[in-house]
Amino acid sequence: MQLTGYRVARECVVEARRFLFEVFGRRILVEATDGGWTAFDTGGDGKRRPAHIVIPPHLDGPGIAAYLDDLFHEHATPEHPAVRML
């Protein structure tokens, strides 16, 4: 299927509604909701549970990564020295 220029342009302006981060070894999925963002811990089996992290609604993907880094930097290890967007 070939995309027209309109479709490509339209897809480029769609905001991401979901981000997956590795937060010092912990995988956290952040999804947009009506009121802002909801965070989930994710497992290797595809299941998820509430992460109980409050994320300010005005943040975007890189802003969420920086925020998570600020919250959890004490958990940094040589194997997991930073927050990564996956």
C-alpha atoms as a PDB file:
ATOM      1  CA  MET A   1       0.000   0.000   0.000  1.00  0.00           C
ATOM      2  CA  GLN A   2       1.375   3.386  -0.965  1.00  0.00           C
ATOM      3  CA  LEU A   3       0.730   6.375   1.288  1.00  0.00           C
ATOM      4  CA  THR A   4      -0.307   9.659  -0.259  1.00  0.00           C
ATOM      5  CA  GLY A   5       1.365  12.898   0.794  1.00  0.00           C
ATOM      6  CA  TYR A   6      -1.733  13.787   2.788  1.00  0.00           C
ATOM      7  CA  ARG A   7      -1.571  10.613   4.830  1.00  0.00           C
ATOM      8  CA  VAL A   8       2.118  10.992   5.541  1.00  0.00           C
ATOM      9  CA  ALA A   9       1.640  14.615   6.624  1.00  0.00           C
ATOM     10  CA  ARG A  10      -1.320  13.636   8.762  1.00  0.00           C
ATOM     11  CA  GLU A  11       0.622  10.819  10.469  1.00  0.00           C
ATOM     12  CA  CYS A  12       3.522  13.141  11.237  1.00  0.00           C
ATOM     13  CA  VAL A  13       1.389  15.509  13.313  1.00  0.00           C
ATOM     14  CA  VAL A  14      -0.253  12.817  15.446  1.00  0.00           C
ATOM     15  CA  GLU A  15       1.011  13.078  18.995  1.00  0.00           C
ATOM     16  CA  ALA A  16       2.360   9.996  20.715  1.00  0.00           C
ATOM     17  CA  ARG A  17      -0.137   8.699  23.234  1.00  0.00           C
ATOM     18  CA  ARG A  18       2.101   6.011  24.727  1.00  0.00           C
ATOM     19  CA  PHE A  19       5.759   5.856  25.733  1.00  0.00           C
ATOM     20  CA  LEU A  20       7.838   2.951  27.010  1.00  0.00           C
ATOM     21  CA  PHE A  21      10.830   3.716  29.216  1.00  0.00           C
ATOM     22  CA  GLU A  22      13.548   1.708  30.882  1.00  0.00           C
ATOM     23  CA  VAL A  23      13.977   3.489  34.201  1.00  0.00           C
ATOM     24  CA  PHE A  24      17.223   2.192  35.690  1.00  0.00           C
ATOM     25  CA  GLY A  25      16.273  -1.376  34.760  1.00  0.00           C
ATOM     26  CA  ARG A  26      12.544  -1.022  35.444  1.00  0.00           C
ATOM     27  CA  ARG A  27      10.207  -0.921  32.427  1.00  0.00           C
ATOM     28  CA  ILE A  28       7.500   1.701  32.726  1.00  0.00           C
ATOM     29  CA  LEU A  29       4.757   2.285  30.187  1.00  0.00           C
ATOM     30  CA  VAL A  30       3.243   5.784  30.218  1.00  0.00           C
ATOM     31  CA  GLU A  31      -0.109   6.288  28.474  1.00  0.00           C
ATOM     32  CA  ALA A  32      -2.056   9.452  27.813  1.00  0.00           C
ATOM     33  CA  THR A  33      -5.425   9.675  29.544  1.00  0.00           C
ATOM     34  CA  ASP A  34      -8.089  12.364  29.660  1.00  0.00           C
ATOM     35  CA  GLY A  35      -6.476  13.908  32.726  1.00  0.00           C
ATOM     36  CA  GLY A  36      -2.811  13.624  31.734  1.00  0.00           C
ATOM     37  CA  TRP A  37      -0.591  10.550  32.012  1.00  0.00           C
ATOM     38  CA  THR A  38      -0.935   7.135  33.668  1.00  0.00           C
ATOM     39  CA  ALA A  39       2.139   5.010  34.411  1.00  0.00           C
ATOM     40  CA  PHE A  40       2.295   1.213  34.487  1.00  0.00           C
ATOM     41  CA  ASP A  41       4.978  -1.291  35.438  1.00  0.00           C
ATOM     42  CA  THR A  42       5.273  -3.825  32.618  1.00  0.00           C
ATOM     43  CA  GLY A  43       6.314  -7.432  32.801  1.00  0.00           C
ATOM     44  CA  GLY A  44       8.018  -9.647  30.273  1.00  0.00           C
ATOM     45  CA  ASP A  45       4.743 -11.522  29.811  1.00  0.00           C
ATOM     46  CA  GLY A  46       2.919  -8.422  28.552  1.00  0.00           C
ATOM     47  CA  LYS A  47       0.986  -7.825  31.751  1.00  0.00           C
ATOM     48  CA  ARG A  48       0.994  -4.436  33.415  1.00  0.00           C
ATOM     49  CA  ARG A  49       0.062  -3.002  36.794  1.00  0.00           C
ATOM     50  CA  PRO A  50      -0.270   0.568  38.065  1.00  0.00           C
ATOM     51  CA  ALA A  51       3.129   2.097  38.827  1.00  0.00           C
ATOM     52  CA  HIS A  52       1.700   4.682  41.259  1.00  0.00           C
ATOM     53  CA  ILE A  53       3.739   7.508  39.725  1.00  0.00           C
ATOM     54  CA  VAL A  54       2.142  10.923  39.244  1.00  0.00           C
ATOM     55  CA  ILE A  55       3.369  12.564  36.038  1.00  0.00           C
ATOM     56  CA  PRO A  56       2.581  16.226  35.328  1.00  0.00           C
ATOM     57  CA  PRO A  57       0.140  16.448  32.400  1.00  0.00           C
ATOM     58  CA  HIS A  58       2.064  19.143  30.498  1.00  0.00           C
ATOM     59  CA  LEU A  59       5.141  16.951  29.845  1.00  0.00           C
ATOM     60  CA  ASP A  60       5.963  15.342  26.487  1.00  0.00           C
ATOM     61  CA  GLY A  61       8.076  12.204  25.875  1.00  0.00           C
ATOM     62  CA  PRO A  62      11.526  13.703  26.551  1.00  0.00           C
ATOM     63  CA  GLY A  63      10.081  15.684  29.459  1.00  0.00           C
ATOM     64  CA  ILE A  64       8.664  12.505  30.975  1.00  0.00           C
ATOM     65  CA  ALA A  65      12.060  10.812  30.621  1.00  0.00           C
ATOM     66  CA  ALA A  66      13.767  13.703  32.422  1.00  0.00           C
ATOM     67  CA  TYR A  67      11.082  13.686  35.121  1.00  0.00           C
ATOM     68  CA  LEU A  68      11.476   9.928  35.696  1.00  0.00           C
ATOM     69  CA  ASP A  69      15.253  10.377  35.832  1.00  0.00           C
ATOM     70  CA  ASP A  70      14.850  13.051  38.501  1.00  0.00           C
ATOM     71  CA  LEU A  71      12.477  10.870  40.548  1.00  0.00           C
ATOM     72  CA  PHE A  72      14.450   7.631  40.388  1.00  0.00           C
ATOM     73  CA  HIS A  73      18.114   8.618  39.955  1.00  0.00           C
ATOM     74  CA  GLU A  74      18.965   6.939  43.289  1.00  0.00           C
ATOM     75  CA  HIS A  75      18.281   3.585  41.568  1.00  0.00           C
ATOM     76  CA  ALA A  76      21.065   4.069  39.000  1.00  0.00           C
ATOM     77  CA  THR A  77      23.598   1.240  38.716  1.00  0.00           C
ATOM     78  CA  PRO A  78      26.570   0.646  36.409  1.00  0.00           C
ATOM     79  CA  GLU A  79      24.330  -1.712  34.388  1.00  0.00           C
ATOM     80  CA  HIS A  80      21.462   0.783  34.252  1.00  0.00           C
ATOM     81  CA  PRO A  81      22.926   4.289  34.519  1.00  0.00           C
ATOM     82  CA  ALA A  82      20.065   6.254  32.899  1.00  0.00           C
ATOM     83  CA  VAL A  83      16.449   6.434  31.804  1.00  0.00           C
ATOM     84  CA  ARG A  84      16.010   5.309  28.198  1.00  0.00           C
ATOM     85  CA  MET A  85      13.023   5.766  25.925  1.00  0.00           C
ATOM     86  CA  LEU A  86      12.370   2.445  24.189  1.00  0.00           C
END
